[in-house]
mmCIF file of all heavy atoms, coordinates in Angstrom:
data_MODEL
# 
_entry.id   MODEL 
# 
loop_
_atom_site.group_PDB 
_atom_site.id 
_atom_site.type_symbol 
_atom_site.label_atom_id 
_atom_site.label_alt_id 
_atom_site.label_comp_id 
_atom_site.label_asym_id 
_atom_site.label_entity_id 
_atom_site.label_seq_id 
_atom_site.pdbx_PDB_ins_code 
_atom_site.Cartn_x 
_atom_site.Cartn_y 
_atom_site.Cartn_z 
_atom_site.occupancy 
_atom_site.B_iso_or_equiv 
_atom_site.pdbx_formal_charge 
_atom_site.auth_seq_id 
_atom_site.auth_comp_id 
_atom_site.auth_asym_id 
_atom_site.auth_atom_id 
_atom_site.pdbx_PDB_model_num 
ATOM 1   N N   . MET A 1 1  ? 75.076 36.794 -16.709 1.00 0.00 ? 1  MET A N   1 
ATOM 2   C CA  . MET A 1 1  ? 73.622 36.637 -16.698 1.00 0.00 ? 1  MET A CA  1 
ATOM 3   C C   . MET A 1 1  ? 73.291 35.152 -16.585 1.00 0.00 ? 1  MET A C   1 
ATOM 4   O O   . MET A 1 1  ? 74.116 34.299 -16.852 1.00 0.00 ? 1  MET A O   1 
ATOM 5   C CB  . MET A 1 1  ? 73.030 37.221 -17.963 1.00 0.00 ? 1  MET A CB  1 
ATOM 6   C CG  . MET A 1 1  ? 73.276 38.678 -18.123 1.00 0.00 ? 1  MET A CG  1 
ATOM 7   S SD  . MET A 1 1  ? 72.554 39.367 -19.610 1.00 0.00 ? 1  MET A SD  1 
ATOM 8   C CE  . MET A 1 1  ? 73.646 38.732 -20.878 1.00 0.00 ? 1  MET A CE  1 
ATOM 9   N N   . HIS A 1 2  ? 72.055 34.886 -16.211 1.00 0.00 ? 2  HIS A N   1 
ATOM 10  C CA  . HIS A 1 2  ? 71.550 33.518 -16.164 1.00 0.00 ? 2  HIS A CA  1 
ATOM 11  C C   . HIS A 1 2  ? 70.105 33.544 -16.627 1.00 0.00 ? 2  HIS A C   1 
ATOM 12  O O   . HIS A 1 2  ? 69.308 34.335 -16.106 1.00 0.00 ? 2  HIS A O   1 
ATOM 13  C CB  . HIS A 1 2  ? 71.627 32.956 -14.727 1.00 0.00 ? 2  HIS A CB  1 
ATOM 14  C CG  . HIS A 1 2  ? 72.991 32.973 -14.137 1.00 0.00 ? 2  HIS A CG  1 
ATOM 15  N ND1 . HIS A 1 2  ? 73.999 32.179 -14.609 1.00 0.00 ? 2  HIS A ND1 1 
ATOM 16  C CD2 . HIS A 1 2  ? 73.514 33.721 -13.166 1.00 0.00 ? 2  HIS A CD2 1 
ATOM 17  C CE1 . HIS A 1 2  ? 75.112 32.423 -13.914 1.00 0.00 ? 2  HIS A CE1 1 
ATOM 18  N NE2 . HIS A 1 2  ? 74.836 33.370 -13.039 1.00 0.00 ? 2  HIS A NE2 1 
ATOM 19  N N   . GLY A 1 3  ? 69.782 32.674 -17.571 1.00 0.00 ? 3  GLY A N   1 
ATOM 20  C CA  . GLY A 1 3  ? 68.399 32.602 -18.024 1.00 0.00 ? 3  GLY A CA  1 
ATOM 21  C C   . GLY A 1 3  ? 67.527 31.981 -16.981 1.00 0.00 ? 3  GLY A C   1 
ATOM 22  O O   . GLY A 1 3  ? 67.977 31.187 -16.164 1.00 0.00 ? 3  GLY A O   1 
ATOM 23  N N   . GLU A 1 4  ? 66.247 32.346 -16.971 1.00 0.00 ? 4  GLU A N   1 
ATOM 24  C CA  . GLU A 1 4  ? 65.317 31.784 -16.006 1.00 0.00 ? 4  GLU A CA  1 
ATOM 25  C C   . GLU A 1 4  ? 65.191 30.274 -16.175 1.00 0.00 ? 4  GLU A C   1 
ATOM 26  O O   . GLU A 1 4  ? 64.814 29.578 -15.236 1.00 0.00 ? 4  GLU A O   1 
ATOM 27  C CB  . GLU A 1 4  ? 63.950 32.462 -16.137 1.00 0.00 ? 4  GLU A CB  1 
ATOM 28  C CG  . GLU A 1 4  ? 63.943 33.876 -15.677 1.00 0.00 ? 4  GLU A CG  1 
ATOM 29  C CD  . GLU A 1 4  ? 62.604 34.553 -15.800 1.00 0.00 ? 4  GLU A CD  1 
ATOM 30  O OE1 . GLU A 1 4  ? 61.583 33.843 -15.987 1.00 0.00 ? 4  GLU A OE1 1 
ATOM 31  O OE2 . GLU A 1 4  ? 62.565 35.792 -15.724 1.00 0.00 ? 4  GLU A OE2 1 
ATOM 32  N N   . CYS A 1 5  ? 65.498 29.759 -17.379 1.00 0.00 ? 5  CYS A N   1 
ATOM 33  C CA  . CYS A 1 5  ? 65.368 28.324 -17.611 1.00 0.00 ? 5  CYS A CA  1 
ATOM 34  C C   . CYS A 1 5  ? 66.713 27.591 -17.597 1.00 0.00 ? 5  CYS A C   1 
ATOM 35  O O   . CYS A 1 5  ? 66.781 26.422 -17.907 1.00 0.00 ? 5  CYS A O   1 
ATOM 36  C CB  . CYS A 1 5  ? 64.615 28.058 -18.924 1.00 0.00 ? 5  CYS A CB  1 
ATOM 37  S SG  . CYS A 1 5  ? 65.488 28.652 -20.380 1.00 0.00 ? 5  CYS A SG  1 
ATOM 38  N N   . GLY A 1 6  ? 67.797 28.283 -17.200 1.00 0.00 ? 6  GLY A N   1 
ATOM 39  C CA  . GLY A 1 6  ? 69.081 27.616 -17.098 1.00 0.00 ? 6  GLY A CA  1 
ATOM 40  C C   . GLY A 1 6  ? 70.225 28.433 -17.670 1.00 0.00 ? 6  GLY A C   1 
ATOM 41  O O   . GLY A 1 6  ? 70.047 29.569 -18.101 1.00 0.00 ? 6  GLY A O   1 
ATOM 42  N N   . GLY A 1 7  ? 71.394 27.818 -17.692 1.00 0.00 ? 7  GLY A N   1 
ATOM 43  C CA  . GLY A 1 7  ? 72.571 28.458 -18.204 1.00 0.00 ? 7  GLY A CA  1 
ATOM 44  C C   . GLY A 1 7  ? 73.406 29.088 -17.110 1.00 0.00 ? 7  GLY A C   1 
ATOM 45  O O   . GLY A 1 7  ? 72.995 30.055 -16.504 1.00 0.00 ? 7  GLY A O   1 
ATOM 46  N N   . HIS A 1 8  ? 74.584 28.496 -16.862 1.00 0.00 ? 8  HIS A N   1 
ATOM 47  C CA  . HIS A 1 8  ? 75.427 29.026 -15.797 1.00 0.00 ? 8  HIS A CA  1 
ATOM 48  C C   . HIS A 1 8  ? 76.872 29.118 -16.258 1.00 0.00 ? 8  HIS A C   1 
ATOM 49  O O   . HIS A 1 8  ? 77.775 29.166 -15.421 1.00 0.00 ? 8  HIS A O   1 
ATOM 50  C CB  . HIS A 1 8  ? 75.308 28.167 -14.541 1.00 0.00 ? 8  HIS A CB  1 
ATOM 51  C CG  . HIS A 1 8  ? 73.910 28.131 -14.038 1.00 0.00 ? 8  HIS A CG  1 
ATOM 52  N ND1 . HIS A 1 8  ? 73.296 29.190 -13.413 1.00 0.00 ? 8  HIS A ND1 1 
ATOM 53  C CD2 . HIS A 1 8  ? 72.986 27.151 -14.080 1.00 0.00 ? 8  HIS A CD2 1 
ATOM 54  C CE1 . HIS A 1 8  ? 72.055 28.872 -13.097 1.00 0.00 ? 8  HIS A CE1 1 
ATOM 55  N NE2 . HIS A 1 8  ? 71.829 27.641 -13.501 1.00 0.00 ? 8  HIS A NE2 1 
ATOM 56  N N   . GLY A 1 9  ? 77.073 29.092 -17.575 1.00 0.00 ? 9  GLY A N   1 
ATOM 57  C CA  . GLY A 1 9  ? 78.426 29.226 -18.099 1.00 0.00 ? 9  GLY A CA  1 
ATOM 58  C C   . GLY A 1 9  ? 78.594 30.582 -18.757 1.00 0.00 ? 9  GLY A C   1 
ATOM 59  O O   . GLY A 1 9  ? 77.790 31.480 -18.511 1.00 0.00 ? 9  GLY A O   1 
ATOM 60  N N   . GLY A 1 10 ? 79.579 30.704 -19.604 1.00 0.00 ? 10 GLY A N   1 
ATOM 61  C CA  . GLY A 1 10 ? 79.782 31.971 -20.302 1.00 0.00 ? 10 GLY A CA  1 
ATOM 62  C C   . GLY A 1 10 ? 78.694 32.188 -21.309 1.00 0.00 ? 10 GLY A C   1 
ATOM 63  O O   . GLY A 1 10 ? 78.078 31.237 -21.824 1.00 0.00 ? 10 GLY A O   1 
ATOM 64  N N   . GLU A 1 11 ? 78.430 33.464 -21.618 1.00 0.00 ? 11 GLU A N   1 
ATOM 65  C CA  . GLU A 1 11 ? 77.399 33.750 -22.592 1.00 0.00 ? 11 GLU A CA  1 
ATOM 66  C C   . GLU A 1 11 ? 77.860 34.802 -23.587 1.00 0.00 ? 11 GLU A C   1 
ATOM 67  O O   . GLU A 1 11 ? 78.757 35.597 -23.313 1.00 0.00 ? 11 GLU A O   1 
ATOM 68  C CB  . GLU A 1 11 ? 76.117 34.225 -21.915 1.00 0.00 ? 11 GLU A CB  1 
ATOM 69  C CG  . GLU A 1 11 ? 76.184 35.538 -21.223 1.00 0.00 ? 11 GLU A CG  1 
ATOM 70  C CD  . GLU A 1 11 ? 76.529 35.476 -19.751 1.00 0.00 ? 11 GLU A CD  1 
ATOM 71  O OE1 . GLU A 1 11 ? 76.381 34.412 -19.140 1.00 0.00 ? 11 GLU A OE1 1 
ATOM 72  O OE2 . GLU A 1 11 ? 76.961 36.503 -19.239 1.00 0.00 ? 11 GLU A OE2 1 
ATOM 73  N N   . ARG A 1 12 ? 77.260 34.743 -24.763 1.00 0.00 ? 12 ARG A N   1 
ATOM 74  C CA  . ARG A 1 12 ? 77.475 35.775 -25.799 1.00 0.00 ? 12 ARG A CA  1 
ATOM 75  C C   . ARG A 1 12 ? 76.135 36.421 -26.054 1.00 0.00 ? 12 ARG A C   1 
ATOM 76  O O   . ARG A 1 12 ? 75.097 35.779 -26.054 1.00 0.00 ? 12 ARG A O   1 
ATOM 77  C CB  . ARG A 1 12 ? 77.973 35.126 -27.092 1.00 0.00 ? 12 ARG A CB  1 
ATOM 78  C CG  . ARG A 1 12 ? 79.339 34.545 -26.996 1.00 0.00 ? 12 ARG A CG  1 
ATOM 79  C CD  . ARG A 1 12 ? 80.379 35.629 -26.787 1.00 0.00 ? 12 ARG A CD  1 
ATOM 80  N NE  . ARG A 1 12 ? 81.701 34.999 -26.696 1.00 0.00 ? 12 ARG A NE  1 
ATOM 81  C CZ  . ARG A 1 12 ? 82.760 35.591 -26.200 1.00 0.00 ? 12 ARG A CZ  1 
ATOM 82  N NH1 . ARG A 1 12 ? 82.709 36.816 -25.774 1.00 0.00 ? 12 ARG A NH1 1 
ATOM 83  N NH2 . ARG A 1 12 ? 83.914 34.968 -26.124 1.00 0.00 ? 12 ARG A NH2 1 
ATOM 84  N N   . VAL A 1 13 ? 76.173 37.739 -26.281 1.00 0.00 ? 13 VAL A N   1 
ATOM 85  C CA  . VAL A 1 13 ? 74.950 38.526 -26.439 1.00 0.00 ? 13 VAL A CA  1 
ATOM 86  C C   . VAL A 1 13 ? 74.977 39.187 -27.818 1.00 0.00 ? 13 VAL A C   1 
ATOM 87  O O   . VAL A 1 13 ? 76.012 39.729 -28.235 1.00 0.00 ? 13 VAL A O   1 
ATOM 88  C CB  . VAL A 1 13 ? 74.853 39.625 -25.351 1.00 0.00 ? 13 VAL A CB  1 
ATOM 89  C CG1 . VAL A 1 13 ? 73.569 40.429 -25.530 1.00 0.00 ? 13 VAL A CG1 1 
ATOM 90  C CG2 . VAL A 1 13 ? 74.930 39.000 -23.969 1.00 0.00 ? 13 VAL A CG2 1 
ATOM 91  N N   . TYR A 1 14 ? 73.823 39.143 -28.509 1.00 0.00 ? 14 TYR A N   1 
ATOM 92  C CA  . TYR A 1 14 ? 73.676 39.711 -29.842 1.00 0.00 ? 14 TYR A CA  1 
ATOM 93  C C   . TYR A 1 14 ? 72.478 40.652 -29.839 1.00 0.00 ? 14 TYR A C   1 
ATOM 94  O O   . TYR A 1 14 ? 71.433 40.327 -29.309 1.00 0.00 ? 14 TYR A O   1 
ATOM 95  C CB  . TYR A 1 14 ? 73.468 38.619 -30.886 1.00 0.00 ? 14 TYR A CB  1 
ATOM 96  C CG  . TYR A 1 14 ? 74.620 37.670 -30.975 1.00 0.00 ? 14 TYR A CG  1 
ATOM 97  C CD1 . TYR A 1 14 ? 74.654 36.500 -30.229 1.00 0.00 ? 14 TYR A CD1 1 
ATOM 98  C CD2 . TYR A 1 14 ? 75.717 37.962 -31.805 1.00 0.00 ? 14 TYR A CD2 1 
ATOM 99  C CE1 . TYR A 1 14 ? 75.745 35.641 -30.291 1.00 0.00 ? 14 TYR A CE1 1 
ATOM 100 C CE2 . TYR A 1 14 ? 76.800 37.119 -31.886 1.00 0.00 ? 14 TYR A CE2 1 
ATOM 101 C CZ  . TYR A 1 14 ? 76.805 35.939 -31.120 1.00 0.00 ? 14 TYR A CZ  1 
ATOM 102 O OH  . TYR A 1 14 ? 77.878 35.089 -31.182 1.00 0.00 ? 14 TYR A OH  1 
ATOM 103 N N   . ARG A 1 15 ? 72.654 41.813 -30.449 1.00 0.00 ? 15 ARG A N   1 
ATOM 104 C CA  . ARG A 1 15 ? 71.555 42.797 -30.603 1.00 0.00 ? 15 ARG A CA  1 
ATOM 105 C C   . ARG A 1 15 ? 70.755 42.422 -31.832 1.00 0.00 ? 15 ARG A C   1 
ATOM 106 O O   . ARG A 1 15 ? 71.334 42.140 -32.896 1.00 0.00 ? 15 ARG A O   1 
ATOM 107 C CB  . ARG A 1 15 ? 72.150 44.190 -30.734 1.00 0.00 ? 15 ARG A CB  1 
ATOM 108 C CG  . ARG A 1 15 ? 71.113 45.274 -30.865 1.00 0.00 ? 15 ARG A CG  1 
ATOM 109 C CD  . ARG A 1 15 ? 71.834 46.611 -31.074 1.00 0.00 ? 15 ARG A CD  1 
ATOM 110 N NE  . ARG A 1 15 ? 70.931 47.598 -31.574 1.00 0.00 ? 15 ARG A NE  1 
ATOM 111 C CZ  . ARG A 1 15 ? 70.600 47.760 -32.836 1.00 0.00 ? 15 ARG A CZ  1 
ATOM 112 N NH1 . ARG A 1 15 ? 71.123 47.012 -33.771 1.00 0.00 ? 15 ARG A NH1 1 
ATOM 113 N NH2 . ARG A 1 15 ? 69.744 48.704 -33.209 1.00 0.00 ? 15 ARG A NH2 1 
ATOM 114 N N   . LEU A 1 16 ? 69.434 42.458 -31.714 1.00 0.00 ? 16 LEU A N   1 
ATOM 115 C CA  . LEU A 1 16 ? 68.534 42.166 -32.825 1.00 0.00 ? 16 LEU A CA  1 
ATOM 116 C C   . LEU A 1 16 ? 67.511 43.266 -32.945 1.00 0.00 ? 16 LEU A C   1 
ATOM 117 O O   . LEU A 1 16 ? 66.841 43.618 -31.952 1.00 0.00 ? 16 LEU A O   1 
ATOM 118 C CB  . LEU A 1 16 ? 67.843 40.824 -32.588 1.00 0.00 ? 16 LEU A CB  1 
ATOM 119 C CG  . LEU A 1 16 ? 66.781 40.406 -33.617 1.00 0.00 ? 16 LEU A CG  1 
ATOM 120 C CD1 . LEU A 1 16 ? 67.410 40.129 -34.973 1.00 0.00 ? 16 LEU A CD1 1 
ATOM 121 C CD2 . LEU A 1 16 ? 66.002 39.212 -33.147 1.00 0.00 ? 16 LEU A CD2 1 
ATOM 122 N N   . ALA A 1 17 ? 67.386 43.846 -34.100 1.00 0.00 ? 17 ALA A N   1 
ATOM 123 C CA  . ALA A 1 17 ? 66.371 44.842 -34.407 1.00 0.00 ? 17 ALA A CA  1 
ATOM 124 C C   . ALA A 1 17 ? 65.833 44.536 -35.816 1.00 0.00 ? 17 ALA A C   1 
ATOM 125 O O   . ALA A 1 17 ? 66.601 44.129 -36.682 1.00 0.00 ? 17 ALA A O   1 
ATOM 126 C CB  . ALA A 1 17 ? 66.941 46.259 -34.366 1.00 0.00 ? 17 ALA A CB  1 
ATOM 127 N N   . VAL A 1 18 ? 64.528 44.656 -36.000 1.00 0.00 ? 18 VAL A N   1 
ATOM 128 C CA  . VAL A 1 18 ? 63.924 44.358 -37.285 1.00 0.00 ? 18 VAL A CA  1 
ATOM 129 C C   . VAL A 1 18 ? 63.231 45.590 -37.838 1.00 0.00 ? 18 VAL A C   1 
ATOM 130 O O   . VAL A 1 18 ? 62.856 46.491 -37.056 1.00 0.00 ? 18 VAL A O   1 
ATOM 131 C CB  . VAL A 1 18 ? 62.918 43.166 -37.164 1.00 0.00 ? 18 VAL A CB  1 
ATOM 132 C CG1 . VAL A 1 18 ? 63.648 41.893 -36.767 1.00 0.00 ? 18 VAL A CG1 1 
ATOM 133 C CG2 . VAL A 1 18 ? 61.817 43.478 -36.196 1.00 0.00 ? 18 VAL A CG2 1 
ATOM 134 N N   . GLY A 1 19 ? 63.039 45.654 -39.140 1.00 0.00 ? 19 GLY A N   1 
ATOM 135 C CA  . GLY A 1 19 ? 62.440 46.803 -39.786 1.00 0.00 ? 19 GLY A CA  1 
ATOM 136 C C   . GLY A 1 19 ? 60.911 46.861 -39.705 1.00 0.00 ? 19 GLY A C   1 
ATOM 137 O O   . GLY A 1 19 ? 60.311 47.893 -39.899 1.00 0.00 ? 19 GLY A O   1 
ATOM 138 N N   . HIS A 1 20 ? 60.314 45.715 -39.463 1.00 0.00 ? 20 HIS A N   1 
ATOM 139 C CA  . HIS A 1 20 ? 58.853 45.623 -39.364 1.00 0.00 ? 20 HIS A CA  1 
ATOM 140 C C   . HIS A 1 20 ? 58.504 44.464 -38.395 1.00 0.00 ? 20 HIS A C   1 
ATOM 141 O O   . HIS A 1 20 ? 59.345 43.610 -38.160 1.00 0.00 ? 20 HIS A O   1 
ATOM 142 C CB  . HIS A 1 20 ? 58.213 45.400 -40.731 1.00 0.00 ? 20 HIS A CB  1 
ATOM 143 C CG  . HIS A 1 20 ? 58.662 44.165 -41.413 1.00 0.00 ? 20 HIS A CG  1 
ATOM 144 N ND1 . HIS A 1 20 ? 59.867 44.065 -42.063 1.00 0.00 ? 20 HIS A ND1 1 
ATOM 145 C CD2 . HIS A 1 20 ? 58.070 42.926 -41.503 1.00 0.00 ? 20 HIS A CD2 1 
ATOM 146 C CE1 . HIS A 1 20 ? 60.014 42.828 -42.558 1.00 0.00 ? 20 HIS A CE1 1 
ATOM 147 N NE2 . HIS A 1 20 ? 58.942 42.140 -42.252 1.00 0.00 ? 20 HIS A NE2 1 
ATOM 148 N N   . GLU A 1 21 ? 57.276 44.460 -37.888 1.00 0.00 ? 21 GLU A N   1 
ATOM 149 C CA  . GLU A 1 21 ? 56.885 43.392 -36.990 1.00 0.00 ? 21 GLU A CA  1 
ATOM 150 C C   . GLU A 1 21 ? 57.012 42.045 -37.723 1.00 0.00 ? 21 GLU A C   1 
ATOM 151 O O   . GLU A 1 21 ? 56.546 41.926 -38.849 1.00 0.00 ? 21 GLU A O   1 
ATOM 152 C CB  . GLU A 1 21 ? 55.456 43.571 -36.510 1.00 0.00 ? 21 GLU A CB  1 
ATOM 153 C CG  . GLU A 1 21 ? 55.053 42.516 -35.505 1.00 0.00 ? 21 GLU A CG  1 
ATOM 154 C CD  . GLU A 1 21 ? 53.655 42.721 -34.942 1.00 0.00 ? 21 GLU A CD  1 
ATOM 155 O OE1 . GLU A 1 21 ? 53.358 43.857 -34.529 1.00 0.00 ? 21 GLU A OE1 1 
ATOM 156 O OE2 . GLU A 1 21 ? 52.905 41.752 -34.921 1.00 0.00 ? 21 GLU A OE2 1 
ATOM 157 N N   . MET A 1 22 ? 57.640 41.099 -37.066 1.00 0.00 ? 22 MET A N   1 
ATOM 158 C CA  . MET A 1 22 ? 57.828 39.801 -37.708 1.00 0.00 ? 22 MET A CA  1 
ATOM 159 C C   . MET A 1 22 ? 58.165 38.751 -36.662 1.00 0.00 ? 22 MET A C   1 
ATOM 160 O O   . MET A 1 22 ? 58.699 39.051 -35.603 1.00 0.00 ? 22 MET A O   1 
ATOM 161 C CB  . MET A 1 22 ? 58.925 39.847 -38.761 1.00 0.00 ? 22 MET A CB  1 
ATOM 162 C CG  . MET A 1 22 ? 60.309 40.164 -38.204 1.00 0.00 ? 22 MET A CG  1 
ATOM 163 S SD  . MET A 1 22 ? 61.579 40.486 -39.450 1.00 0.00 ? 22 MET A SD  1 
ATOM 164 C CE  . MET A 1 22 ? 61.920 38.847 -40.013 1.00 0.00 ? 22 MET A CE  1 
ATOM 165 N N   . ALA A 1 23 ? 57.866 37.503 -36.989 1.00 0.00 ? 23 ALA A N   1 
ATOM 166 C CA  . ALA A 1 23 ? 58.305 36.373 -36.179 1.00 0.00 ? 23 ALA A CA  1 
ATOM 167 C C   . ALA A 1 23 ? 59.692 35.985 -36.637 1.00 0.00 ? 23 ALA A C   1 
ATOM 168 O O   . ALA A 1 23 ? 60.006 35.989 -37.822 1.00 0.00 ? 23 ALA A O   1 
ATOM 169 C CB  . ALA A 1 23 ? 57.338 35.212 -36.336 1.00 0.00 ? 23 ALA A CB  1 
ATOM 170 N N   . VAL A 1 24 ? 60.531 35.623 -35.662 1.00 0.00 ? 24 VAL A N   1 
ATOM 171 C CA  . VAL A 1 24 ? 61.899 35.210 -35.926 1.00 0.00 ? 24 VAL A CA  1 
ATOM 172 C C   . VAL A 1 24 ? 62.144 33.914 -35.171 1.00 0.00 ? 24 VAL A C   1 
ATOM 173 O O   . VAL A 1 24 ? 61.842 33.835 -33.986 1.00 0.00 ? 24 VAL A O   1 
ATOM 174 C CB  . VAL A 1 24 ? 62.918 36.296 -35.482 1.00 0.00 ? 24 VAL A CB  1 
ATOM 175 C CG1 . VAL A 1 24 ? 64.343 35.844 -35.718 1.00 0.00 ? 24 VAL A CG1 1 
ATOM 176 C CG2 . VAL A 1 24 ? 62.649 37.609 -36.188 1.00 0.00 ? 24 VAL A CG2 1 
ATOM 177 N N   . CYS A 1 25 ? 62.708 32.923 -35.854 1.00 0.00 ? 25 CYS A N   1 
ATOM 178 C CA  . CYS A 1 25 ? 63.072 31.683 -35.217 1.00 0.00 ? 25 CYS A CA  1 
ATOM 179 C C   . CYS A 1 25 ? 64.574 31.712 -34.892 1.00 0.00 ? 25 CYS A C   1 
ATOM 180 O O   . CYS A 1 25 ? 65.392 32.049 -35.765 1.00 0.00 ? 25 CYS A O   1 
ATOM 181 C CB  . CYS A 1 25 ? 62.767 30.486 -36.123 1.00 0.00 ? 25 CYS A CB  1 
ATOM 182 S SG  . CYS A 1 25 ? 63.215 28.889 -35.386 1.00 0.00 ? 25 CYS A SG  1 
# 
C-alpha cells in the first residue's frame, strides 16, 4: 500500500476498534 501523503517502503497494519465514539491520537 501507499498513503496518499507518502510512504513507499514496507508497512505494518494494525486493526483498531473502540467501544464507544472517541478521539484517538
